[in-house]
């Protein structure tokens, strides 16, 4: 698939983990083949393609979020093969929680109370209000576009926008320029910044970009 327009030196695509297994992998394999078939003017493969599953919790942030990352790097800038970055120690979930106030339980939270009963009202669990997941202590489940409805069992409340941003690897001083409804949706759809950081760092180290001062 030759392309005349100037192409980027690298690209990163992200999708849910199960994309790899839909229709026995047919759409996934088609995408990989299409990306690998991109050639330069001389008919040579333009990109080296690397694909793996990354979990946000393996790179410093306590969110159990598995995503497929597909990385394309132009062959002419590679110095060494790209290698999936090693895991980073996860920071405590409580470091992410900004408001440490313990709120009174709301008797009207029927769904929440039922879920709290399942975990025997244990502390330091987060789970969504919309559906039940098997919660893991001190680790947030995968944030969705409804992450405004993720409940913390220790503080008896839903996560704030800032806390959700932190769980996606954004900084505490990230400037919000849309409504809370929209920012929650954007957070749930975002790539984890901490994962992108280690990916870009490895790309920098394995290409001639490392030589550019």
C-alpha atoms as a PDB file:
ATOM      1  CA  UNK A   1       0.000   0.000   0.000  1.00  0.00           C
ATOM      2  CA  UNK A   2       2.192   2.878  -1.266  1.00  0.00           C
ATOM      3  CA  UNK A   3       1.407   6.344   0.066  1.00  0.00           C
ATOM      4  CA  UNK A   4       2.502   9.594  -1.571  1.00  0.00           C
ATOM      5  CA  UNK A   5       1.913  11.952   1.334  1.00  0.00           C
ATOM      6  CA  UNK A   6       4.612  12.392   3.943  1.00  0.00           C
ATOM      7  CA  UNK A   7       4.051   9.909   6.743  1.00  0.00           C
ATOM      8  CA  UNK A   8       4.745  10.368  10.475  1.00  0.00           C
ATOM      9  CA  UNK A   9       7.887   8.823  11.918  1.00  0.00           C
ATOM     10  CA  UNK A  10       5.851   6.938  14.519  1.00  0.00           C
ATOM     11  CA  UNK A  11       2.227   6.172  15.308  1.00  0.00           C
ATOM     12  CA  UNK A  12       0.464   4.617  18.280  1.00  0.00           C
ATOM     13  CA  UNK A  13      -2.964   2.996  18.118  1.00  0.00           C
ATOM     14  CA  UNK A  14      -4.908   1.737  21.133  1.00  0.00           C
ATOM     15  CA  UNK A  15      -7.921  -0.491  21.541  1.00  0.00           C
ATOM     16  CA  UNK A  16      -9.618  -2.708  24.090  1.00  0.00           C
ATOM     17  CA  UNK A  17      -7.943  -6.036  24.842  1.00  0.00           C
ATOM     18  CA  UNK A  18     -10.747  -8.090  23.294  1.00  0.00           C
ATOM     19  CA  UNK A  19     -10.239  -6.440  19.892  1.00  0.00           C
ATOM     20  CA  UNK A  20      -7.519  -9.022  19.325  1.00  0.00           C
ATOM     21  CA  UNK A  21     -10.011 -11.869  19.685  1.00  0.00           C
ATOM     22  CA  UNK A  22     -13.103 -10.580  17.855  1.00  0.00           C
ATOM     23  CA  UNK A  23     -14.126 -12.980  15.062  1.00  0.00           C
ATOM     24  CA  UNK A  24     -11.145 -15.196  15.960  1.00  0.00           C
ATOM     25  CA  UNK A  25      -8.770 -12.299  15.386  1.00  0.00           C
ATOM     26  CA  UNK A  26      -9.839 -11.512  11.815  1.00  0.00           C
ATOM     27  CA  UNK A  27     -10.228  -7.680  12.188  1.00  0.00           C
ATOM     28  CA  UNK A  28      -7.067  -7.452  14.301  1.00  0.00           C
ATOM     29  CA  UNK A  29      -4.934  -9.445  11.870  1.00  0.00           C
ATOM     30  CA  UNK A  30      -6.338  -7.475   8.945  1.00  0.00           C
ATOM     31  CA  UNK A  31      -5.308  -4.204  10.609  1.00  0.00           C
ATOM     32  CA  UNK A  32      -1.795  -5.461  11.374  1.00  0.00           C
ATOM     33  CA  UNK A  33      -1.366  -6.707   7.796  1.00  0.00           C
ATOM     34  CA  UNK A  34      -2.570  -3.383   6.400  1.00  0.00           C
ATOM     35  CA  UNK A  35      -0.153  -1.411   8.561  1.00  0.00           C
ATOM     36  CA  UNK A  36       2.736  -3.717   7.651  1.00  0.00           C
ATOM     37  CA  UNK A  37       1.889  -3.370   3.953  1.00  0.00           C
ATOM     38  CA  UNK A  38       2.532   0.382   3.900  1.00  0.00           C
ATOM     39  CA  UNK A  39       5.610   0.863   1.718  1.00  0.00           C
ATOM     40  CA  UNK A  40       7.868   3.739   0.729  1.00  0.00           C
ATOM     41  CA  UNK A  41       8.580   4.971  -2.792  1.00  0.00           C
ATOM     42  CA  UNK A  42      11.046   2.124  -3.277  1.00  0.00           C
ATOM     43  CA  UNK A  43       8.438  -0.468  -2.368  1.00  0.00           C
ATOM     44  CA  UNK A  44      10.074  -1.271   0.971  1.00  0.00           C
ATOM     45  CA  UNK A  45       8.086  -1.751   4.180  1.00  0.00           C
ATOM     46  CA  UNK A  46       7.809   1.674   5.763  1.00  0.00           C
ATOM     47  CA  UNK A  47       7.040   0.743   9.365  1.00  0.00           C
ATOM     48  CA  UNK A  48       8.164  -1.846  11.854  1.00  0.00           C
ATOM     49  CA  UNK A  49       5.019  -2.851  13.721  1.00  0.00           C
ATOM     50  CA  UNK A  50       5.010  -3.779  17.412  1.00  0.00           C
ATOM     51  CA  UNK A  51       1.930  -4.908  19.281  1.00  0.00           C
ATOM     52  CA  UNK A  52       1.379  -5.892  22.903  1.00  0.00           C
ATOM     53  CA  UNK A  53      -1.065  -5.643  25.774  1.00  0.00           C
ATOM     54  CA  UNK A  54      -0.233  -3.023  28.396  1.00  0.00           C
ATOM     55  CA  UNK A  55      -1.899  -2.710  31.794  1.00  0.00           C
ATOM     56  CA  UNK A  56      -2.007   0.722  33.414  1.00  0.00           C
ATOM     57  CA  UNK A  57      -1.347  -0.791  36.856  1.00  0.00           C
ATOM     58  CA  UNK A  58       1.969  -2.205  35.604  1.00  0.00           C
ATOM     59  CA  UNK A  59       3.275   1.297  34.981  1.00  0.00           C
ATOM     60  CA  UNK A  60       2.820   3.080  38.283  1.00  0.00           C
ATOM     61  CA  UNK A  61      -0.898   3.916  38.405  1.00  0.00           C
ATOM     62  CA  UNK A  62      -3.392   1.762  40.392  1.00  0.00           C
ATOM     63  CA  UNK A  63      -5.946   1.159  37.621  1.00  0.00           C
ATOM     64  CA  UNK A  64      -6.513  -2.326  36.200  1.00  0.00           C
ATOM     65  CA  UNK A  65      -6.775  -1.285  32.549  1.00  0.00           C
ATOM     66  CA  UNK A  66      -5.622  -3.715  29.858  1.00  0.00           C
ATOM     67  CA  UNK A  67      -5.353  -2.246  26.379  1.00  0.00           C
ATOM     68  CA  UNK A  68      -3.756  -3.300  23.104  1.00  0.00           C
ATOM     69  CA  UNK A  69      -1.163  -0.817  21.884  1.00  0.00           C
ATOM     70  CA  UNK A  70      -0.027  -1.017  18.253  1.00  0.00           C
ATOM     71  CA  UNK A  71       3.165   0.916  17.617  1.00  0.00           C
ATOM     72  CA  UNK A  72       4.569   1.748  14.213  1.00  0.00           C
ATOM     73  CA  UNK A  73       8.116   3.059  13.853  1.00  0.00           C
ATOM     74  CA  UNK A  74       9.678   4.003  10.534  1.00  0.00           C
ATOM     75  CA  UNK A  75      12.362   1.483   9.671  1.00  0.00           C
ATOM     76  CA  UNK A  76      14.855   4.180   8.656  1.00  0.00           C
ATOM     77  CA  UNK A  77      14.953   5.731  12.140  1.00  0.00           C
ATOM     78  CA  UNK A  78      15.343   2.503  14.114  1.00  0.00           C
ATOM     79  CA  UNK A  79      18.679   1.854  15.755  1.00  0.00           C
ATOM     80  CA  UNK A  80      17.579  -1.093  17.895  1.00  0.00           C
ATOM     81  CA  UNK A  81      14.408  -3.142  18.047  1.00  0.00           C
ATOM     82  CA  UNK A  82      11.623  -1.740  20.186  1.00  0.00           C
ATOM     83  CA  UNK A  83      11.243  -3.739  23.428  1.00  0.00           C
ATOM     84  CA  UNK A  84       8.187  -3.549  25.671  1.00  0.00           C
ATOM     85  CA  UNK A  85       9.144  -1.425  28.726  1.00  0.00           C
ATOM     86  CA  UNK A  86       9.639  -3.136  32.073  1.00  0.00           C
ATOM     87  CA  UNK A  87       7.002  -2.719  34.753  1.00  0.00           C
ATOM     88  CA  UNK A  88       7.123   0.151  37.246  1.00  0.00           C
ATOM     89  CA  UNK A  89       6.156  -0.075  40.908  1.00  0.00           C
ATOM     90  CA  UNK A  90       2.547   0.954  41.435  1.00  0.00           C
ATOM     91  CA  UNK A  91       1.845   3.899  43.726  1.00  0.00           C
ATOM     92  CA  UNK A  92      -0.732   3.398  46.520  1.00  0.00           C
ATOM     93  CA  UNK A  93      -4.353   4.015  45.579  1.00  0.00           C
ATOM     94  CA  UNK A  94      -4.738   6.366  48.532  1.00  0.00           C
ATOM     95  CA  UNK A  95      -2.133   8.685  46.983  1.00  0.00           C
ATOM     96  CA  UNK A  96      -4.624   9.285  44.185  1.00  0.00           C
ATOM     97  CA  UNK A  97      -7.509  10.187  46.491  1.00  0.00           C
ATOM     98  CA  UNK A  98      -7.581  13.942  47.060  1.00  0.00           C
ATOM     99  CA  UNK A  99     -10.520  14.278  49.442  1.00  0.00           C
ATOM    100  CA  UNK A 100      -9.931  12.035  52.473  1.00  0.00           C
ATOM    101  CA  UNK A 101     -13.239  12.984  54.119  1.00  0.00           C
ATOM    102  CA  UNK A 102     -15.320   9.958  55.071  1.00  0.00           C
ATOM    103  CA  UNK A 103     -18.898  10.695  54.059  1.00  0.00           C
ATOM    104  CA  UNK A 104     -21.990   9.198  55.607  1.00  0.00           C
ATOM    105  CA  UNK A 105     -23.486   6.317  53.659  1.00  0.00           C
ATOM    106  CA  UNK A 106     -26.422   7.297  51.509  1.00  0.00           C
ATOM    107  CA  UNK A 107     -29.402   5.056  52.210  1.00  0.00           C
ATOM    108  CA  UNK A 108     -30.728   5.759  48.719  1.00  0.00           C
ATOM    109  CA  UNK A 109     -27.706   4.089  47.075  1.00  0.00           C
ATOM    110  CA  UNK A 110     -29.422   0.724  46.702  1.00  0.00           C
ATOM    111  CA  UNK A 111     -27.023  -0.654  44.072  1.00  0.00           C
ATOM    112  CA  UNK A 112     -24.020   0.573  46.009  1.00  0.00           C
ATOM    113  CA  UNK A 113     -25.201  -0.948  49.276  1.00  0.00           C
ATOM    114  CA  UNK A 114     -25.741  -4.311  47.581  1.00  0.00           C
ATOM    115  CA  UNK A 115     -22.204  -4.235  46.215  1.00  0.00           C
ATOM    116  CA  UNK A 116     -20.790  -3.183  49.558  1.00  0.00           C
ATOM    117  CA  UNK A 117     -22.484  -6.212  51.083  1.00  0.00           C
ATOM    118  CA  UNK A 118     -20.744  -8.475  48.555  1.00  0.00           C
ATOM    119  CA  UNK A 119     -17.353  -7.217  49.661  1.00  0.00           C
ATOM    120  CA  UNK A 120     -18.485  -7.197  53.296  1.00  0.00           C
ATOM    121  CA  UNK A 121     -18.070  -3.411  53.537  1.00  0.00           C
ATOM    122  CA  UNK A 122     -14.288  -3.726  53.255  1.00  0.00           C
ATOM    123  CA  UNK A 123     -12.196  -0.596  52.771  1.00  0.00           C
ATOM    124  CA  UNK A 124     -10.099   0.594  49.815  1.00  0.00           C
ATOM    125  CA  UNK A 125     -12.238  -0.874  47.044  1.00  0.00           C
ATOM    126  CA  UNK A 126     -13.524   0.950  43.980  1.00  0.00           C
ATOM    127  CA  UNK A 127     -16.296  -0.336  41.758  1.00  0.00           C
ATOM    128  CA  UNK A 128     -18.732   1.100  39.195  1.00  0.00           C
ATOM    129  CA  UNK A 129     -22.343   1.689  40.066  1.00  0.00           C
ATOM    130  CA  UNK A 130     -23.633   0.568  36.643  1.00  0.00           C
ATOM    131  CA  UNK A 131     -22.362  -3.013  36.700  1.00  0.00           C
ATOM    132  CA  UNK A 132     -20.626  -5.293  39.152  1.00  0.00           C
ATOM    133  CA  UNK A 133     -16.994  -6.247  38.667  1.00  0.00           C
ATOM    134  CA  UNK A 134     -14.817  -8.354  40.904  1.00  0.00           C
ATOM    135  CA  UNK A 135     -13.117  -5.544  42.820  1.00  0.00           C
ATOM    136  CA  UNK A 136      -9.438  -5.711  43.705  1.00  0.00           C
ATOM    137  CA  UNK A 137      -8.309  -4.079  46.916  1.00  0.00           C
ATOM    138  CA  UNK A 138      -6.307  -0.887  46.396  1.00  0.00           C
ATOM    139  CA  UNK A 139      -6.742  -1.030  42.595  1.00  0.00           C
ATOM    140  CA  UNK A 140      -9.360   0.801  40.564  1.00  0.00           C
ATOM    141  CA  UNK A 141     -11.144  -1.220  37.856  1.00  0.00           C
ATOM    142  CA  UNK A 142     -11.011  -0.016  34.244  1.00  0.00           C
ATOM    143  CA  UNK A 143     -12.397   3.514  34.079  1.00  0.00           C
ATOM    144  CA  UNK A 144     -15.205   3.897  31.570  1.00  0.00           C
ATOM    145  CA  UNK A 145     -17.051   6.868  30.102  1.00  0.00           C
ATOM    146  CA  UNK A 146     -19.236   6.612  33.219  1.00  0.00           C
ATOM    147  CA  UNK A 147     -16.305   7.003  35.605  1.00  0.00           C
ATOM    148  CA  UNK A 148     -18.320   9.621  37.486  1.00  0.00           C
ATOM    149  CA  UNK A 149     -20.164   6.599  38.904  1.00  0.00           C
ATOM    150  CA  UNK A 150     -17.126   4.804  40.348  1.00  0.00           C
ATOM    151  CA  UNK A 151     -17.610   4.400  44.085  1.00  0.00           C
ATOM    152  CA  UNK A 152     -14.879   4.296  46.762  1.00  0.00           C
ATOM    153  CA  UNK A 153     -15.783   2.031  49.685  1.00  0.00           C
ATOM    154  CA  UNK A 154     -13.555   3.830  52.208  1.00  0.00           C
ATOM    155  CA  UNK A 155     -14.849   7.351  51.610  1.00  0.00           C
ATOM    156  CA  UNK A 156     -18.457   6.471  50.733  1.00  0.00           C
ATOM    157  CA  UNK A 157     -18.587   8.592  47.588  1.00  0.00           C
ATOM    158  CA  UNK A 158     -17.935   8.627  43.861  1.00  0.00           C
ATOM    159  CA  UNK A 159     -14.566   9.586  42.400  1.00  0.00           C
ATOM    160  CA  UNK A 160     -14.001  13.224  41.453  1.00  0.00           C
ATOM    161  CA  UNK A 161     -12.814  14.404  38.047  1.00  0.00           C
ATOM    162  CA  UNK A 162      -9.337  15.095  39.436  1.00  0.00           C
ATOM    163  CA  UNK A 163      -9.062  11.620  40.941  1.00  0.00           C
ATOM    164  CA  UNK A 164     -10.137  10.007  37.681  1.00  0.00           C
ATOM    165  CA  UNK A 165      -7.602  12.109  35.790  1.00  0.00           C
ATOM    166  CA  UNK A 166      -4.873  10.975  38.179  1.00  0.00           C
ATOM    167  CA  UNK A 167      -5.939   7.354  37.647  1.00  0.00           C
ATOM    168  CA  UNK A 168      -5.301   7.894  33.949  1.00  0.00           C
ATOM    169  CA  UNK A 169      -1.840   9.312  34.565  1.00  0.00           C
ATOM    170  CA  UNK A 170      -2.683  12.995  34.100  1.00  0.00           C
ATOM    171  CA  UNK A 171      -1.175  15.589  36.420  1.00  0.00           C
ATOM    172  CA  UNK A 172      -3.086  17.130  39.308  1.00  0.00           C
ATOM    173  CA  UNK A 173      -2.939  20.571  37.660  1.00  0.00           C
ATOM    174  CA  UNK A 174      -4.506  19.401  34.372  1.00  0.00           C
ATOM    175  CA  UNK A 175      -6.722  22.231  33.130  1.00  0.00           C
ATOM    176  CA  UNK A 176     -10.347  21.226  32.630  1.00  0.00           C
ATOM    177  CA  UNK A 177     -12.041  23.262  29.879  1.00  0.00           C
ATOM    178  CA  UNK A 178     -15.251  21.248  29.429  1.00  0.00           C
ATOM    179  CA  UNK A 179     -18.130  20.295  31.702  1.00  0.00           C
ATOM    180  CA  UNK A 180     -17.803  17.547  34.302  1.00  0.00           C
ATOM    181  CA  UNK A 181     -20.023  15.303  32.181  1.00  0.00           C
ATOM    182  CA  UNK A 182     -17.734  15.691  29.190  1.00  0.00           C
ATOM    183  CA  UNK A 183     -14.478  15.366  31.131  1.00  0.00           C
ATOM    184  CA  UNK A 184     -15.628  12.086  32.687  1.00  0.00           C
ATOM    185  CA  UNK A 185     -16.402  10.762  29.190  1.00  0.00           C
ATOM    186  CA  UNK A 186     -13.048  11.943  27.872  1.00  0.00           C
ATOM    187  CA  UNK A 187     -11.204  10.348  30.786  1.00  0.00           C
ATOM    188  CA  UNK A 188     -12.888   7.015  30.135  1.00  0.00           C
ATOM    189  CA  UNK A 189     -11.924   7.160  26.447  1.00  0.00           C
ATOM    190  CA  UNK A 190      -8.370   8.377  26.994  1.00  0.00           C
ATOM    191  CA  UNK A 191      -5.160   6.416  26.666  1.00  0.00           C
ATOM    192  CA  UNK A 192      -3.344   6.162  30.000  1.00  0.00           C
ATOM    193  CA  UNK A 193      -0.699   8.888  30.017  1.00  0.00           C
ATOM    194  CA  UNK A 194       1.670   6.849  32.189  1.00  0.00           C
ATOM    195  CA  UNK A 195       1.626   4.023  29.618  1.00  0.00           C
ATOM    196  CA  UNK A 196       2.238   6.438  26.751  1.00  0.00           C
ATOM    197  CA  UNK A 197       5.147   7.923  28.688  1.00  0.00           C
ATOM    198  CA  UNK A 198       7.040   4.625  28.956  1.00  0.00           C
ATOM    199  CA  UNK A 199       6.247   3.787  25.326  1.00  0.00           C
ATOM    200  CA  UNK A 200       7.565   7.115  24.065  1.00  0.00           C
ATOM    201  CA  UNK A 201      10.631   6.791  26.270  1.00  0.00           C
ATOM    202  CA  UNK A 202      11.444   3.400  24.730  1.00  0.00           C
ATOM    203  CA  UNK A 203      10.827   4.740  21.218  1.00  0.00           C
ATOM    204  CA  UNK A 204      13.195   7.602  21.992  1.00  0.00           C
ATOM    205  CA  UNK A 205      15.869   5.162  23.176  1.00  0.00           C
ATOM    206  CA  UNK A 206      15.654   2.748  20.248  1.00  0.00           C
ATOM    207  CA  UNK A 207      15.653   5.307  17.406  1.00  0.00           C
ATOM    208  CA  UNK A 208      17.805   8.099  16.049  1.00  0.00           C
ATOM    209  CA  UNK A 209      15.543  10.498  17.963  1.00  0.00           C
ATOM    210  CA  UNK A 210      17.887   9.790  20.866  1.00  0.00           C
ATOM    211  CA  UNK A 211      20.707  11.413  18.896  1.00  0.00           C
ATOM    212  CA  UNK A 212      18.849  14.644  18.195  1.00  0.00           C
ATOM    213  CA  UNK A 213      19.950  17.371  20.594  1.00  0.00           C
END
